[in-house]
Each structure stands twice: as structure tokens, then as C-alpha cells.
Amino acid sequence: MVPSATWTFDTDPVGGTPQGTTVFSGNWSVRSESGTPSAPNALCQTGTATFPALTLNDAVYTDVLVQTRFKPISGNTDRAAGIIFRVQDGNNYYIVRANVLEDNVNIYKYVNGSRITLKEGATKVLSGQWQELRVEVVGSRIRVFLNGRLVVETSDDTFKSGKVGLWTKADSVTCFDDVEVRAP
């Protein structure tokens, strides 16, 4: 049974990371953010790193649905938001990424610190607006939705289970709100 969990970041202390998170890289902190889907706070990544990432808790999931609301705010190299899942450690996990500058939602795996493209999906991703990113993982099948619409899917069985978390890229300043993890 998948342990369900939600994060709204509204009761977490502003300026820090939520209890239970493990930051792999980047500058993550809870802050007040106007227009959040659940006011007043969001978890935002504002630093520059190759792949800023964190896990949200220590629970291990196999088949899982993870969804979040996200707002890409800025970034010249990249303006992206992502969900990581089946996380083994800071160098081994799957990524679904929505990128404003490339107008795509892609599925990657990150193996021994190297990112490998599994499947690309062309779609419009808006800057400065809250959107919903969702990944459903059952067995080896990975399906990704943007704003309720299926945009990319593939299969891969490199990682069978693991933790879940959030991800950005390069100089992306991105906020996340209303993360939900549950059985698909």
C-alpha cells in the first residue's frame, strides 16, 4: 500500500525547508508567494546548480502517482520544473521535467550522475503561471500529464521503487505548491 502524503508548505517555517526533506543541490526554501493555489506559502528553488533536487520524505514508493502545482518564474539557461521519483540517492532516479524555454515535457533517468533522455513530449509550458504536473508510475510504465492532459509516456525498469521529490535545472527559479503522493 502506498502511504499517501500531501505538502502545502503553509505550516512550514518561511526561509527553511520542510521537515523531512533531503536537499541534494540547489537553494530550496519555503516563502510567501502571491497567487499560490493554497495560500500563503510555496516551496521555491532560487539557486543555480546543474540539477537542483530534493526528496520530500523517506517513504519508499513503487507504483505511485505524484502531482504538484508549479510556477516557473525565471531562468535564462533553463526555466523548468520537475518531479523526481523512484529516487535511490542523489545520483540515481527518474525525472519528469516541464520546460518553458523548450516547450516540452520530458522523461529522463539519472544514473550514476548522468542524465539520459527516455522520451520527449512537445507541449506549451507557460512562464509565470501556476500549472499542474503529474506522473503516474505503474510497474515499468511512466505516464506524464500537464494540466490534466497526457503529454508523454514510456516504459523503463531501471529503478523499481524509491523516494519522491522535486527538481529544477540550472538557473531556474521555480515554486511548487500542493504536492500530492498516492496510489495511482
N, C-alpha and C. Protein backbone atom coordinates (compact mmCIF):
# COMPACT_ATOMS: atom_id res chain seq x y z
N MET A 1 0.84 -1.19 0.00
CA MET A 1 0.00 0.00 0.00
C MET A 1 0.88 1.24 0.00
N VAL A 2 0.56 2.19 -0.88
CA VAL A 2 1.31 3.44 -0.97
C VAL A 2 0.87 4.36 0.17
N PRO A 3 1.83 4.83 1.00
CA PRO A 3 1.45 5.80 2.02
C PRO A 3 1.17 7.15 1.36
N SER A 4 -0.08 7.62 1.44
CA SER A 4 -0.43 8.91 0.85
C SER A 4 0.20 10.03 1.65
N ALA A 5 0.54 11.11 0.95
CA ALA A 5 1.12 12.27 1.62
C ALA A 5 0.79 13.52 0.81
N THR A 6 0.68 14.65 1.49
CA THR A 6 0.47 15.93 0.83
C THR A 6 1.36 16.98 1.49
N TRP A 7 1.76 17.96 0.69
CA TRP A 7 2.54 19.08 1.17
C TRP A 7 1.93 20.35 0.59
N THR A 8 1.52 21.28 1.48
CA THR A 8 1.05 22.58 1.02
C THR A 8 2.06 23.67 1.38
N PHE A 9 2.99 23.35 2.28
CA PHE A 9 4.05 24.25 2.72
C PHE A 9 3.54 25.44 3.53
N ASP A 10 2.25 25.44 3.86
CA ASP A 10 1.65 26.59 4.55
C ASP A 10 1.94 26.61 6.05
N THR A 11 2.29 25.48 6.64
CA THR A 11 2.61 25.45 8.07
C THR A 11 4.11 25.30 8.30
N ASP A 12 4.89 25.24 7.21
CA ASP A 12 6.34 25.13 7.34
C ASP A 12 6.94 26.52 7.57
N PRO A 13 8.02 26.60 8.36
CA PRO A 13 8.64 27.89 8.62
C PRO A 13 9.18 28.55 7.34
N VAL A 14 8.86 29.80 7.14
CA VAL A 14 9.36 30.56 5.99
C VAL A 14 10.88 30.68 6.12
N GLY A 15 11.58 30.47 5.01
CA GLY A 15 13.04 30.60 5.00
C GLY A 15 13.79 29.29 5.14
N GLY A 16 13.09 28.22 5.46
CA GLY A 16 13.73 26.91 5.61
C GLY A 16 13.12 25.89 4.67
N THR A 17 13.55 24.65 4.81
CA THR A 17 12.96 23.57 4.03
C THR A 17 12.00 22.81 4.93
N PRO A 18 10.99 22.18 4.34
CA PRO A 18 10.03 21.42 5.14
C PRO A 18 10.72 20.27 5.89
N GLN A 19 10.20 19.97 7.06
CA GLN A 19 10.72 18.86 7.84
C GLN A 19 10.64 17.58 7.02
N GLY A 20 11.71 16.78 7.06
CA GLY A 20 11.73 15.51 6.36
C GLY A 20 12.38 15.56 4.99
N THR A 21 12.61 16.77 4.46
CA THR A 21 13.23 16.87 3.13
C THR A 21 14.73 16.60 3.22
N THR A 22 15.27 16.10 2.11
CA THR A 22 16.71 15.94 1.95
C THR A 22 17.10 16.69 0.68
N VAL A 23 17.89 17.74 0.82
CA VAL A 23 18.30 18.54 -0.33
C VAL A 23 19.57 17.94 -0.93
N PHE A 24 19.52 17.62 -2.22
CA PHE A 24 20.70 17.13 -2.94
C PHE A 24 21.51 18.29 -3.48
N SER A 25 20.83 19.31 -4.02
CA SER A 25 21.51 20.50 -4.54
C SER A 25 20.49 21.60 -4.75
N GLY A 26 20.99 22.83 -4.91
CA GLY A 26 20.11 23.98 -5.11
C GLY A 26 19.88 24.74 -3.82
N ASN A 27 19.08 25.79 -3.91
CA ASN A 27 18.74 26.65 -2.78
C ASN A 27 17.22 26.61 -2.62
N TRP A 28 16.73 25.69 -1.84
CA TRP A 28 15.31 25.46 -1.63
C TRP A 28 14.86 26.11 -0.34
N SER A 29 13.72 26.81 -0.37
CA SER A 29 13.16 27.35 0.87
C SER A 29 11.68 27.66 0.68
N VAL A 30 10.98 27.60 1.80
CA VAL A 30 9.57 27.97 1.83
C VAL A 30 9.51 29.49 1.88
N ARG A 31 8.62 30.06 1.07
CA ARG A 31 8.43 31.51 1.10
C ARG A 31 6.98 31.84 0.77
N SER A 32 6.58 33.02 1.17
CA SER A 32 5.26 33.52 0.79
C SER A 32 5.31 33.84 -0.70
N GLU A 33 4.32 33.37 -1.42
CA GLU A 33 4.31 33.55 -2.86
C GLU A 33 2.88 33.93 -3.28
N SER A 34 2.74 35.07 -3.92
CA SER A 34 1.40 35.53 -4.29
C SER A 34 0.76 34.58 -5.30
N GLY A 35 -0.52 34.38 -5.13
CA GLY A 35 -1.29 33.57 -6.07
C GLY A 35 -1.13 32.08 -5.92
N THR A 36 -0.49 31.61 -4.83
CA THR A 36 -0.32 30.18 -4.66
C THR A 36 -1.68 29.49 -4.65
N PRO A 37 -1.73 28.27 -5.19
CA PRO A 37 -3.00 27.53 -5.18
C PRO A 37 -3.56 27.36 -3.77
N SER A 38 -2.69 27.13 -2.78
CA SER A 38 -3.13 27.12 -1.38
C SER A 38 -2.27 28.13 -0.64
N ALA A 39 -2.84 29.29 -0.39
CA ALA A 39 -2.09 30.41 0.21
C ALA A 39 -1.71 30.09 1.64
N PRO A 40 -0.60 30.66 2.16
CA PRO A 40 0.18 31.71 1.54
C PRO A 40 1.54 31.25 0.99
N ASN A 41 1.98 30.02 1.32
CA ASN A 41 3.37 29.64 1.04
C ASN A 41 3.53 28.66 -0.11
N ALA A 42 4.75 28.65 -0.65
CA ALA A 42 5.17 27.68 -1.66
C ALA A 42 6.61 27.30 -1.33
N LEU A 43 7.07 26.19 -1.88
CA LEU A 43 8.47 25.78 -1.77
C LEU A 43 9.15 26.21 -3.06
N CYS A 44 10.18 27.03 -2.96
CA CYS A 44 10.80 27.61 -4.15
C CYS A 44 12.29 27.26 -4.21
N GLN A 45 12.76 27.06 -5.43
CA GLN A 45 14.18 26.83 -5.69
C GLN A 45 14.69 28.07 -6.38
N THR A 46 15.68 28.73 -5.76
CA THR A 46 16.15 30.02 -6.27
C THR A 46 17.64 30.05 -6.56
N GLY A 47 18.33 28.93 -6.39
CA GLY A 47 19.77 28.90 -6.61
C GLY A 47 20.12 28.41 -8.00
N THR A 48 21.41 28.31 -8.27
CA THR A 48 21.90 27.78 -9.54
C THR A 48 22.73 26.54 -9.26
N ALA A 49 22.37 25.45 -9.91
CA ALA A 49 23.10 24.18 -9.81
C ALA A 49 22.78 23.42 -11.09
N THR A 50 23.51 22.36 -11.36
CA THR A 50 23.22 21.59 -12.57
C THR A 50 21.79 21.08 -12.53
N PHE A 51 21.45 20.31 -11.49
CA PHE A 51 20.11 19.77 -11.32
C PHE A 51 19.69 19.93 -9.86
N PRO A 52 19.16 21.10 -9.46
CA PRO A 52 18.68 21.26 -8.09
C PRO A 52 17.58 20.23 -7.80
N ALA A 53 17.73 19.51 -6.68
CA ALA A 53 16.77 18.45 -6.37
C ALA A 53 16.70 18.22 -4.87
N LEU A 54 15.54 17.73 -4.43
CA LEU A 54 15.35 17.31 -3.05
C LEU A 54 14.31 16.21 -2.99
N THR A 55 14.41 15.38 -1.96
CA THR A 55 13.35 14.43 -1.67
C THR A 55 12.47 15.03 -0.59
N LEU A 56 11.20 14.65 -0.59
CA LEU A 56 10.23 15.24 0.33
C LEU A 56 10.12 14.49 1.65
N ASN A 57 10.40 13.18 1.64
CA ASN A 57 10.36 12.39 2.87
C ASN A 57 11.16 11.11 2.63
N ASP A 58 11.14 10.22 3.61
CA ASP A 58 11.90 8.98 3.49
C ASP A 58 11.06 7.80 3.04
N ALA A 59 9.79 8.01 2.75
CA ALA A 59 8.92 6.91 2.31
C ALA A 59 9.39 6.38 0.96
N VAL A 60 9.31 5.07 0.79
CA VAL A 60 9.68 4.42 -0.46
C VAL A 60 8.40 3.98 -1.16
N TYR A 61 8.30 4.35 -2.43
CA TYR A 61 7.11 4.07 -3.23
C TYR A 61 7.48 3.18 -4.41
N THR A 62 6.55 2.33 -4.82
CA THR A 62 6.74 1.50 -6.02
C THR A 62 5.80 2.06 -7.08
N ASP A 63 4.55 1.59 -7.14
CA ASP A 63 3.55 2.20 -8.03
C ASP A 63 3.03 3.44 -7.33
N VAL A 64 3.05 4.58 -8.04
CA VAL A 64 2.74 5.83 -7.35
C VAL A 64 2.24 6.89 -8.34
N LEU A 65 1.42 7.79 -7.83
CA LEU A 65 1.02 8.99 -8.55
C LEU A 65 1.56 10.18 -7.75
N VAL A 66 2.31 11.05 -8.42
CA VAL A 66 2.83 12.25 -7.78
C VAL A 66 2.37 13.43 -8.63
N GLN A 67 1.75 14.41 -7.99
CA GLN A 67 1.36 15.61 -8.72
C GLN A 67 1.70 16.84 -7.90
N THR A 68 1.95 17.93 -8.62
CA THR A 68 2.25 19.20 -7.97
C THR A 68 1.77 20.35 -8.84
N ARG A 69 1.54 21.45 -8.20
CA ARG A 69 1.33 22.71 -8.91
C ARG A 69 2.69 23.39 -8.94
N PHE A 70 3.04 24.02 -10.04
CA PHE A 70 4.34 24.67 -10.16
C PHE A 70 4.21 25.97 -10.94
N LYS A 71 5.13 26.89 -10.63
CA LYS A 71 5.18 28.17 -11.35
C LYS A 71 6.63 28.46 -11.71
N PRO A 72 6.98 28.36 -13.02
CA PRO A 72 8.31 28.74 -13.45
C PRO A 72 8.39 30.26 -13.50
N ILE A 73 9.30 30.84 -12.73
CA ILE A 73 9.35 32.30 -12.59
C ILE A 73 10.39 32.92 -13.51
N SER A 74 11.60 32.37 -13.48
CA SER A 74 12.66 32.94 -14.31
C SER A 74 13.74 31.91 -14.56
N GLY A 75 14.68 32.29 -15.41
CA GLY A 75 15.82 31.46 -15.76
C GLY A 75 16.20 31.74 -17.20
N ASN A 76 17.46 32.00 -17.44
CA ASN A 76 17.92 32.26 -18.80
C ASN A 76 18.47 31.01 -19.48
N THR A 77 19.16 30.16 -18.72
CA THR A 77 19.65 28.90 -19.27
C THR A 77 18.52 27.90 -19.37
N ASP A 78 17.71 27.83 -18.31
CA ASP A 78 16.54 26.96 -18.26
C ASP A 78 15.47 27.60 -17.40
N ARG A 79 14.24 27.22 -17.64
CA ARG A 79 13.10 27.65 -16.83
C ARG A 79 12.21 26.42 -16.70
N ALA A 80 12.54 25.58 -15.71
CA ALA A 80 11.96 24.25 -15.66
C ALA A 80 11.46 23.88 -14.27
N ALA A 81 10.55 22.92 -14.26
CA ALA A 81 10.04 22.32 -13.02
C ALA A 81 10.00 20.82 -13.23
N GLY A 82 10.24 20.08 -12.17
CA GLY A 82 10.21 18.64 -12.32
C GLY A 82 9.84 17.91 -11.06
N ILE A 83 9.46 16.66 -11.27
CA ILE A 83 9.19 15.71 -10.20
C ILE A 83 10.23 14.60 -10.34
N ILE A 84 10.84 14.20 -9.23
CA ILE A 84 11.71 13.03 -9.26
C ILE A 84 11.02 11.91 -8.50
N PHE A 85 11.24 10.68 -8.94
CA PHE A 85 10.59 9.53 -8.32
C PHE A 85 11.47 8.31 -8.47
N ARG A 86 11.14 7.30 -7.65
CA ARG A 86 11.97 6.10 -7.53
C ARG A 86 13.42 6.49 -7.27
N VAL A 87 13.57 7.48 -6.38
CA VAL A 87 14.88 8.03 -6.03
C VAL A 87 15.63 7.02 -5.16
N GLN A 88 16.82 6.65 -5.63
CA GLN A 88 17.70 5.77 -4.86
C GLN A 88 18.62 6.61 -3.98
N ASP A 89 19.16 7.67 -4.57
CA ASP A 89 20.06 8.60 -3.89
C ASP A 89 20.18 9.83 -4.79
N GLY A 90 21.09 10.75 -4.48
CA GLY A 90 21.22 11.99 -5.23
C GLY A 90 21.70 11.83 -6.66
N ASN A 91 22.11 10.64 -7.06
CA ASN A 91 22.62 10.41 -8.41
C ASN A 91 21.86 9.36 -9.20
N ASN A 92 20.75 8.84 -8.65
CA ASN A 92 20.02 7.76 -9.31
C ASN A 92 18.52 7.90 -9.07
N TYR A 93 17.78 8.29 -10.13
CA TYR A 93 16.34 8.46 -10.04
C TYR A 93 15.76 8.75 -11.42
N TYR A 94 14.43 8.77 -11.50
CA TYR A 94 13.72 9.22 -12.70
C TYR A 94 13.32 10.68 -12.52
N ILE A 95 13.18 11.40 -13.65
CA ILE A 95 12.77 12.80 -13.65
C ILE A 95 11.68 12.98 -14.70
N VAL A 96 10.63 13.72 -14.38
CA VAL A 96 9.74 14.30 -15.40
C VAL A 96 9.94 15.80 -15.29
N ARG A 97 10.15 16.44 -16.44
CA ARG A 97 10.51 17.85 -16.45
C ARG A 97 9.65 18.62 -17.45
N ALA A 98 9.08 19.73 -16.98
CA ALA A 98 8.36 20.66 -17.84
C ALA A 98 9.25 21.88 -18.04
N ASN A 99 9.52 22.25 -19.31
CA ASN A 99 10.47 23.33 -19.60
C ASN A 99 9.82 24.41 -20.46
N VAL A 100 9.78 25.63 -19.93
CA VAL A 100 9.20 26.78 -20.63
C VAL A 100 10.00 27.13 -21.88
N LEU A 101 11.32 27.16 -21.76
CA LEU A 101 12.16 27.63 -22.86
C LEU A 101 12.21 26.65 -24.04
N GLU A 102 11.94 25.38 -23.77
CA GLU A 102 11.96 24.37 -24.83
C GLU A 102 10.56 23.91 -25.25
N ASP A 103 9.52 24.37 -24.52
CA ASP A 103 8.14 23.93 -24.77
C ASP A 103 8.05 22.42 -24.87
N ASN A 104 8.47 21.75 -23.77
CA ASN A 104 8.34 20.30 -23.75
C ASN A 104 8.20 19.78 -22.33
N VAL A 105 7.74 18.56 -22.24
CA VAL A 105 7.69 17.80 -21.00
C VAL A 105 8.38 16.48 -21.32
N ASN A 106 9.51 16.23 -20.67
CA ASN A 106 10.33 15.07 -20.98
C ASN A 106 10.47 14.14 -19.79
N ILE A 107 10.77 12.89 -20.09
CA ILE A 107 11.05 11.88 -19.08
C ILE A 107 12.53 11.51 -19.21
N TYR A 108 13.22 11.53 -18.08
CA TYR A 108 14.65 11.18 -18.03
C TYR A 108 14.88 10.16 -16.94
N LYS A 109 16.03 9.51 -17.03
CA LYS A 109 16.54 8.81 -15.86
C LYS A 109 17.93 9.37 -15.60
N TYR A 110 18.26 9.44 -14.32
CA TYR A 110 19.53 9.98 -13.87
C TYR A 110 20.26 8.81 -13.23
N VAL A 111 21.31 8.32 -13.91
CA VAL A 111 22.01 7.12 -13.49
C VAL A 111 23.47 7.45 -13.23
N ASN A 112 23.92 7.20 -12.01
CA ASN A 112 25.30 7.49 -11.61
C ASN A 112 25.71 8.93 -11.96
N GLY A 113 24.76 9.86 -11.79
CA GLY A 113 25.04 11.27 -12.02
C GLY A 113 24.98 11.73 -13.46
N SER A 114 24.50 10.88 -14.37
CA SER A 114 24.36 11.25 -15.79
C SER A 114 22.90 11.17 -16.20
N ARG A 115 22.41 12.23 -16.83
CA ARG A 115 21.01 12.28 -17.27
C ARG A 115 20.87 11.65 -18.65
N ILE A 116 19.88 10.77 -18.78
CA ILE A 116 19.61 10.05 -20.03
C ILE A 116 18.16 10.32 -20.43
N THR A 117 17.95 10.78 -21.67
CA THR A 117 16.59 11.04 -22.15
C THR A 117 15.89 9.72 -22.45
N LEU A 118 14.68 9.55 -21.87
CA LEU A 118 13.87 8.37 -22.18
C LEU A 118 12.82 8.69 -23.24
N LYS A 119 12.14 9.85 -23.09
CA LYS A 119 11.10 10.21 -24.05
C LYS A 119 10.83 11.70 -23.95
N GLU A 120 10.59 12.35 -25.11
CA GLU A 120 10.28 13.77 -25.16
C GLU A 120 8.84 13.98 -25.59
N GLY A 121 8.22 15.01 -25.04
CA GLY A 121 6.86 15.36 -25.41
C GLY A 121 6.72 16.85 -25.63
N ALA A 122 6.43 17.26 -26.85
CA ALA A 122 6.29 18.68 -27.17
C ALA A 122 4.95 19.20 -26.67
N THR A 123 4.98 20.30 -25.91
CA THR A 123 3.77 20.95 -25.43
C THR A 123 4.13 22.32 -24.88
N LYS A 124 3.20 23.23 -24.89
CA LYS A 124 3.42 24.59 -24.38
C LYS A 124 3.44 24.57 -22.86
N VAL A 125 4.51 25.12 -22.27
CA VAL A 125 4.63 25.29 -20.83
C VAL A 125 4.72 26.80 -20.59
N LEU A 126 3.87 27.33 -19.73
CA LEU A 126 3.76 28.77 -19.54
C LEU A 126 4.67 29.30 -18.44
N SER A 127 5.25 30.45 -18.66
CA SER A 127 6.08 31.11 -17.66
C SER A 127 5.22 32.00 -16.77
N GLY A 128 5.55 32.02 -15.47
CA GLY A 128 4.88 32.92 -14.54
C GLY A 128 3.46 32.54 -14.20
N GLN A 129 3.03 31.32 -14.53
CA GLN A 129 1.67 30.88 -14.22
C GLN A 129 1.70 29.53 -13.53
N TRP A 130 0.77 29.34 -12.59
CA TRP A 130 0.64 28.05 -11.91
C TRP A 130 0.06 27.03 -12.87
N GLN A 131 0.68 25.88 -12.92
CA GLN A 131 0.25 24.76 -13.76
C GLN A 131 0.35 23.48 -12.95
N GLU A 132 -0.22 22.39 -13.47
CA GLU A 132 -0.16 21.12 -12.76
C GLU A 132 0.66 20.11 -13.55
N LEU A 133 1.62 19.48 -12.88
CA LEU A 133 2.42 18.41 -13.45
C LEU A 133 2.12 17.15 -12.65
N ARG A 134 1.86 16.05 -13.37
CA ARG A 134 1.51 14.79 -12.70
C ARG A 134 2.21 13.64 -13.40
N VAL A 135 2.76 12.72 -12.61
CA VAL A 135 3.34 11.50 -13.14
C VAL A 135 2.65 10.31 -12.48
N GLU A 136 2.28 9.33 -13.30
CA GLU A 136 1.71 8.08 -12.81
C GLU A 136 2.67 6.97 -13.20
N VAL A 137 3.08 6.19 -12.20
CA VAL A 137 4.05 5.12 -12.43
C VAL A 137 3.44 3.81 -11.94
N VAL A 138 3.28 2.85 -12.86
CA VAL A 138 2.78 1.52 -12.52
C VAL A 138 3.70 0.51 -13.20
N GLY A 139 4.37 -0.30 -12.39
CA GLY A 139 5.34 -1.23 -12.95
C GLY A 139 6.43 -0.44 -13.66
N SER A 140 6.65 -0.76 -14.92
CA SER A 140 7.68 -0.05 -15.70
C SER A 140 7.09 1.11 -16.51
N ARG A 141 5.76 1.28 -16.48
CA ARG A 141 5.09 2.29 -17.30
C ARG A 141 5.06 3.65 -16.59
N ILE A 142 5.47 4.69 -17.32
CA ILE A 142 5.53 6.06 -16.81
C ILE A 142 4.66 6.93 -17.72
N ARG A 143 3.65 7.58 -17.13
CA ARG A 143 2.75 8.46 -17.88
C ARG A 143 2.79 9.84 -17.23
N VAL A 144 2.94 10.90 -18.08
CA VAL A 144 3.09 12.26 -17.56
C VAL A 144 2.00 13.16 -18.14
N PHE A 145 1.39 13.95 -17.25
CA PHE A 145 0.29 14.84 -17.61
C PHE A 145 0.66 16.27 -17.26
N LEU A 146 0.32 17.20 -18.14
CA LEU A 146 0.44 18.63 -17.87
C LEU A 146 -0.95 19.22 -17.94
N ASN A 147 -1.38 19.82 -16.84
CA ASN A 147 -2.72 20.41 -16.75
C ASN A 147 -3.81 19.43 -17.15
N GLY A 148 -3.66 18.17 -16.70
CA GLY A 148 -4.67 17.14 -16.92
C GLY A 148 -4.60 16.43 -18.26
N ARG A 149 -3.67 16.83 -19.13
CA ARG A 149 -3.58 16.24 -20.47
C ARG A 149 -2.32 15.37 -20.57
N LEU A 150 -2.50 14.12 -21.00
CA LEU A 150 -1.36 13.23 -21.20
C LEU A 150 -0.46 13.80 -22.29
N VAL A 151 0.84 14.03 -21.96
CA VAL A 151 1.74 14.62 -22.94
C VAL A 151 2.91 13.72 -23.32
N VAL A 152 3.25 12.75 -22.47
CA VAL A 152 4.35 11.85 -22.81
C VAL A 152 4.25 10.60 -21.94
N GLU A 153 4.64 9.46 -22.52
CA GLU A 153 4.66 8.22 -21.76
C GLU A 153 5.73 7.29 -22.32
N THR A 154 6.23 6.43 -21.46
CA THR A 154 7.25 5.46 -21.88
C THR A 154 7.28 4.35 -20.84
N SER A 155 8.17 3.41 -21.04
CA SER A 155 8.41 2.33 -20.08
C SER A 155 9.90 2.20 -19.83
N ASP A 156 10.26 1.91 -18.58
CA ASP A 156 11.65 1.67 -18.21
C ASP A 156 11.63 0.94 -16.87
N ASP A 157 12.54 0.00 -16.70
CA ASP A 157 12.55 -0.75 -15.44
C ASP A 157 13.88 -0.69 -14.71
N THR A 158 14.62 0.41 -14.90
CA THR A 158 15.90 0.57 -14.21
C THR A 158 15.72 0.62 -12.70
N PHE A 159 14.77 1.44 -12.23
CA PHE A 159 14.52 1.56 -10.79
C PHE A 159 13.12 1.04 -10.50
N LYS A 160 13.00 0.16 -9.53
CA LYS A 160 11.71 -0.49 -9.21
C LYS A 160 10.92 0.26 -8.14
N SER A 161 11.60 0.99 -7.27
CA SER A 161 10.95 1.73 -6.19
C SER A 161 11.92 2.78 -5.69
N GLY A 162 11.42 3.70 -4.86
CA GLY A 162 12.28 4.73 -4.29
C GLY A 162 11.47 5.89 -3.74
N LYS A 163 12.17 6.90 -3.29
CA LYS A 163 11.56 8.10 -2.72
C LYS A 163 11.05 9.01 -3.82
N VAL A 164 10.36 10.08 -3.44
CA VAL A 164 9.86 11.08 -4.40
C VAL A 164 10.35 12.47 -3.98
N GLY A 165 10.38 13.39 -4.95
CA GLY A 165 10.82 14.74 -4.64
C GLY A 165 10.59 15.70 -5.79
N LEU A 166 11.26 16.85 -5.71
CA LEU A 166 11.10 17.92 -6.69
C LEU A 166 12.45 18.25 -7.30
N TRP A 167 12.43 18.89 -8.47
CA TRP A 167 13.64 19.08 -9.26
C TRP A 167 13.50 20.34 -10.12
N THR A 168 14.60 21.01 -10.39
CA THR A 168 14.65 22.07 -11.39
C THR A 168 15.96 21.90 -12.16
N LYS A 169 16.28 22.87 -12.99
CA LYS A 169 17.52 22.76 -13.77
C LYS A 169 18.21 24.11 -13.85
N ALA A 170 19.53 24.08 -13.72
CA ALA A 170 20.41 25.23 -13.96
C ALA A 170 19.99 26.44 -13.13
N ASP A 171 19.60 27.54 -13.81
CA ASP A 171 19.25 28.79 -13.12
C ASP A 171 17.75 28.99 -12.98
N SER A 172 16.99 27.93 -13.10
CA SER A 172 15.53 28.03 -12.96
C SER A 172 15.14 28.50 -11.56
N VAL A 173 14.33 29.54 -11.51
CA VAL A 173 13.67 29.94 -10.26
C VAL A 173 12.24 29.46 -10.41
N THR A 174 11.88 28.47 -9.60
CA THR A 174 10.60 27.79 -9.74
C THR A 174 10.00 27.56 -8.36
N CYS A 175 8.68 27.76 -8.24
CA CYS A 175 7.97 27.49 -6.99
C CYS A 175 7.02 26.31 -7.18
N PHE A 176 6.83 25.57 -6.09
CA PHE A 176 5.96 24.39 -6.08
C PHE A 176 4.96 24.54 -4.95
N ASP A 177 3.76 24.01 -5.16
CA ASP A 177 2.72 24.02 -4.13
C ASP A 177 1.84 22.78 -4.31
N ASP A 178 1.16 22.41 -3.27
CA ASP A 178 0.17 21.33 -3.30
C ASP A 178 0.71 20.05 -3.95
N VAL A 179 1.77 19.52 -3.36
CA VAL A 179 2.30 18.24 -3.81
C VAL A 179 1.47 17.13 -3.19
N GLU A 180 1.07 16.17 -4.00
CA GLU A 180 0.29 15.03 -3.52
C GLU A 180 0.93 13.75 -4.01
N VAL A 181 1.05 12.78 -3.11
CA VAL A 181 1.58 11.46 -3.44
C VAL A 181 0.54 10.44 -2.99
N ARG A 182 0.15 9.52 -3.90
CA ARG A 182 -0.84 8.49 -3.55
C ARG A 182 -0.76 7.33 -4.52
N ALA A 183 -1.55 6.33 -4.26
CA ALA A 183 -1.63 5.20 -5.16
C ALA A 183 -2.23 5.65 -6.49
N PRO A 184 -1.75 5.11 -7.60
CA PRO A 184 -2.29 5.51 -8.92
C PRO A 184 -3.69 4.94 -9.16
